[in-house]
Amino acid sequence: MMKKIGIQLMVLCMITMVSYAQETEDTEKEAVTLPTLTVTAQKREEVLQKVPIAVASIDSTKTEELQISNINEIGRISPNLKAYDDGAGLFPLIASRGLFTIDEVPVVGVYVDDVPLFTTTSFPTLLTDIERIEVLRGPQGTL
C-alpha cells in the first residue's frame, strides 16, 4: 500500500514538473515610441537627440500640462534656471548657473521668435501660443 502511494506521488511530481517545462506563449509587447522634439539651438531645425549642446526643451503640450503661462514659470523645465519677479512686479529676472541679473541688462540671453531681448523690461510677462521653449545650458555666443 505504501509502495503504491509512493509511486502515485512520484508520478504526480513528474506531471507537475512537465507542466512547468512547457513553453509559454510569447506575448508581444508594444514598443513605446517617444515623440521627436525638434530644436533650433544651432539656427537650424534638428532632432533634440542629435544636437551636441545641452538643451532642455518642451513642446506646447508639455507647457499646457505644466501650466506655464508667464516667463517666471520657465524655471520648471531646467534645473539650472530660475526665473523670478523683481519684487515690484515690473519685469522678470532670470538666473542661470549662479549668474543673475541685478539691473536692467540681463546676463542670460533671451530670444522670442528669434528676436533677442536685450533688456529685462522687454521680456514678455505673459506667454501665449507657445510652440516650444528651449533652454541652452553652458556658454553660448550670440545665437
Protein backbone atom coordinates (compact mmCIF):
# COMPACT_ATOMS: atom_id res chain seq x y z
CA MET A 1 0.00 0.00 0.00
CA MET A 2 2.80 2.45 0.92
CA LYS A 3 4.64 1.48 -2.22
CA LYS A 4 1.52 2.30 -4.31
CA ILE A 5 1.14 5.72 -2.66
CA GLY A 6 4.85 6.44 -3.18
CA ILE A 7 4.60 5.62 -6.90
CA GLN A 8 1.49 7.80 -7.25
CA LEU A 9 3.26 10.73 -5.57
CA MET A 10 6.30 10.27 -7.81
CA VAL A 11 4.12 10.25 -10.96
CA LEU A 12 2.25 13.31 -9.71
CA CYS A 13 5.53 15.18 -9.16
CA MET A 14 6.71 14.27 -12.67
CA ILE A 15 3.49 15.57 -14.20
CA THR A 16 3.78 18.90 -12.42
CA MET A 17 7.43 19.24 -13.48
CA VAL A 18 6.43 18.65 -17.10
CA SER A 19 3.83 21.39 -16.86
CA TYR A 20 6.49 23.82 -15.61
CA ALA A 21 8.76 22.90 -18.52
CA GLN A 22 6.18 23.79 -21.16
CA GLU A 23 6.89 26.82 -23.26
CA THR A 24 4.89 29.89 -22.50
CA GLU A 25 3.26 31.88 -25.24
CA ASP A 26 5.20 34.93 -26.30
CA THR A 27 3.12 37.96 -25.65
CA GLU A 28 4.20 40.71 -27.97
CA LYS A 29 4.78 43.96 -26.17
CA GLU A 30 4.03 47.16 -27.95
CA ALA A 31 7.10 49.26 -28.47
CA VAL A 32 6.89 52.60 -26.75
CA THR A 33 7.99 55.40 -29.02
CA LEU A 34 8.77 58.84 -27.70
CA PRO A 35 7.80 61.88 -29.73
CA THR A 36 10.68 63.50 -31.55
CA LEU A 37 11.46 67.00 -30.37
CA THR A 38 12.79 69.45 -32.91
CA VAL A 39 15.00 72.25 -31.63
CA THR A 40 16.60 75.26 -33.29
CA ALA A 41 19.53 75.59 -30.90
CA GLN A 42 22.02 75.93 -33.77
CA LYS A 43 19.89 78.17 -36.03
CA ARG A 44 18.51 75.18 -37.94
CA GLU A 45 15.90 72.61 -37.07
CA GLU A 46 17.43 69.43 -35.66
CA VAL A 47 16.21 66.48 -33.66
CA LEU A 48 17.00 67.03 -29.97
CA GLN A 49 18.93 63.75 -29.63
CA LYS A 50 21.38 64.80 -32.36
CA VAL A 51 22.23 68.27 -31.05
CA PRO A 52 25.73 68.40 -29.46
CA ILE A 53 24.63 71.09 -26.98
CA ALA A 54 22.99 70.61 -23.58
CA VAL A 55 19.40 71.65 -24.33
CA ALA A 56 16.25 71.38 -22.24
CA SER A 57 13.22 71.64 -24.49
CA ILE A 58 9.49 71.23 -24.05
CA ASP A 59 6.73 71.44 -26.61
CA SER A 60 3.30 73.05 -26.50
CA THR A 61 1.55 70.05 -24.92
CA LYS A 62 4.06 69.96 -22.06
CA THR A 63 3.73 73.72 -21.48
CA GLU A 64 -0.03 73.27 -21.15
CA GLU A 65 0.50 70.30 -18.83
CA LEU A 66 2.92 72.29 -16.62
CA GLN A 67 0.63 75.35 -16.88
CA ILE A 68 3.41 77.67 -18.00
CA SER A 69 1.75 80.98 -18.77
CA ASN A 70 4.40 83.56 -17.94
CA ILE A 71 8.16 83.87 -18.11
CA ASN A 72 8.56 83.44 -14.34
CA GLU A 73 7.42 79.81 -14.65
CA ILE A 74 10.05 78.64 -17.17
CA GLY A 75 12.35 77.69 -14.31
CA ARG A 76 10.37 74.46 -14.03
CA ILE A 77 11.86 72.98 -17.20
CA SER A 78 15.56 73.21 -16.41
CA PRO A 79 17.31 72.51 -13.10
CA ASN A 80 19.87 75.31 -13.58
CA LEU A 81 17.38 78.02 -14.44
CA LYS A 82 15.50 80.24 -12.04
CA ALA A 83 13.07 82.91 -13.13
CA TYR A 84 11.60 85.21 -10.53
CA ASP A 85 9.87 88.53 -10.16
CA ASP A 86 11.80 91.68 -9.26
CA GLY A 87 9.51 92.27 -6.28
CA ALA A 88 7.68 95.21 -7.76
CA GLY A 89 6.09 93.10 -10.48
CA LEU A 90 7.64 95.24 -13.21
CA PHE A 91 9.85 92.74 -15.01
CA PRO A 92 11.10 89.17 -14.56
CA LEU A 93 14.66 88.33 -13.57
CA ILE A 94 16.35 85.18 -14.87
CA ALA A 95 19.28 83.40 -13.22
CA SER A 96 21.25 80.53 -14.70
CA ARG A 97 24.10 78.59 -13.11
CA GLY A 98 24.62 81.17 -10.40
CA LEU A 99 24.60 84.16 -12.74
CA PHE A 100 21.77 86.53 -12.01
CA THR A 101 20.62 89.94 -13.10
CA ILE A 102 20.62 92.85 -10.67
CA ASP A 103 19.82 95.60 -13.14
CA GLU A 104 18.05 96.05 -16.45
CA VAL A 105 20.70 94.30 -18.59
CA PRO A 106 20.25 90.53 -18.38
CA VAL A 107 23.18 88.13 -18.03
CA VAL A 108 21.09 85.38 -19.60
CA GLY A 109 20.21 85.73 -23.29
CA VAL A 110 16.50 85.56 -24.02
CA TYR A 111 15.12 85.16 -27.53
CA VAL A 112 11.46 85.25 -28.50
CA ASP A 113 10.75 84.19 -32.10
CA ASP A 114 14.48 84.54 -32.94
CA VAL A 115 14.50 88.15 -31.73
CA PRO A 116 16.98 88.88 -28.91
CA LEU A 117 15.63 90.76 -25.91
CA PHE A 118 18.43 92.97 -24.59
CA THR A 119 16.70 94.43 -21.55
CA THR A 120 14.64 92.80 -18.85
CA THR A 121 11.89 95.35 -19.41
CA SER A 122 11.38 93.92 -22.91
CA PHE A 123 10.72 90.41 -21.57
CA PRO A 124 7.14 89.32 -22.15
CA THR A 125 5.29 88.82 -18.91
CA LEU A 126 2.54 86.65 -20.36
CA LEU A 127 3.30 83.80 -22.73
CA THR A 128 0.56 82.82 -25.15
CA ASP A 129 0.51 80.43 -28.11
CA ILE A 130 3.80 78.73 -27.19
CA GLU A 131 5.19 76.30 -29.76
CA ARG A 132 8.20 75.27 -27.67
CA ILE A 133 10.62 76.54 -25.05
CA GLU A 134 14.33 75.77 -25.36
CA VAL A 135 16.91 76.34 -22.63
CA LEU A 136 20.53 76.13 -23.81
CA ARG A 137 22.88 75.40 -20.93
CA GLY A 138 26.55 76.24 -20.93
CA PRO A 139 28.49 79.06 -22.54
CA GLN A 140 26.67 80.43 -25.57
CA GLY A 141 27.63 83.10 -28.01
CA THR A 142 25.10 85.23 -29.79
CA LEU A 143 22.64 82.93 -31.44
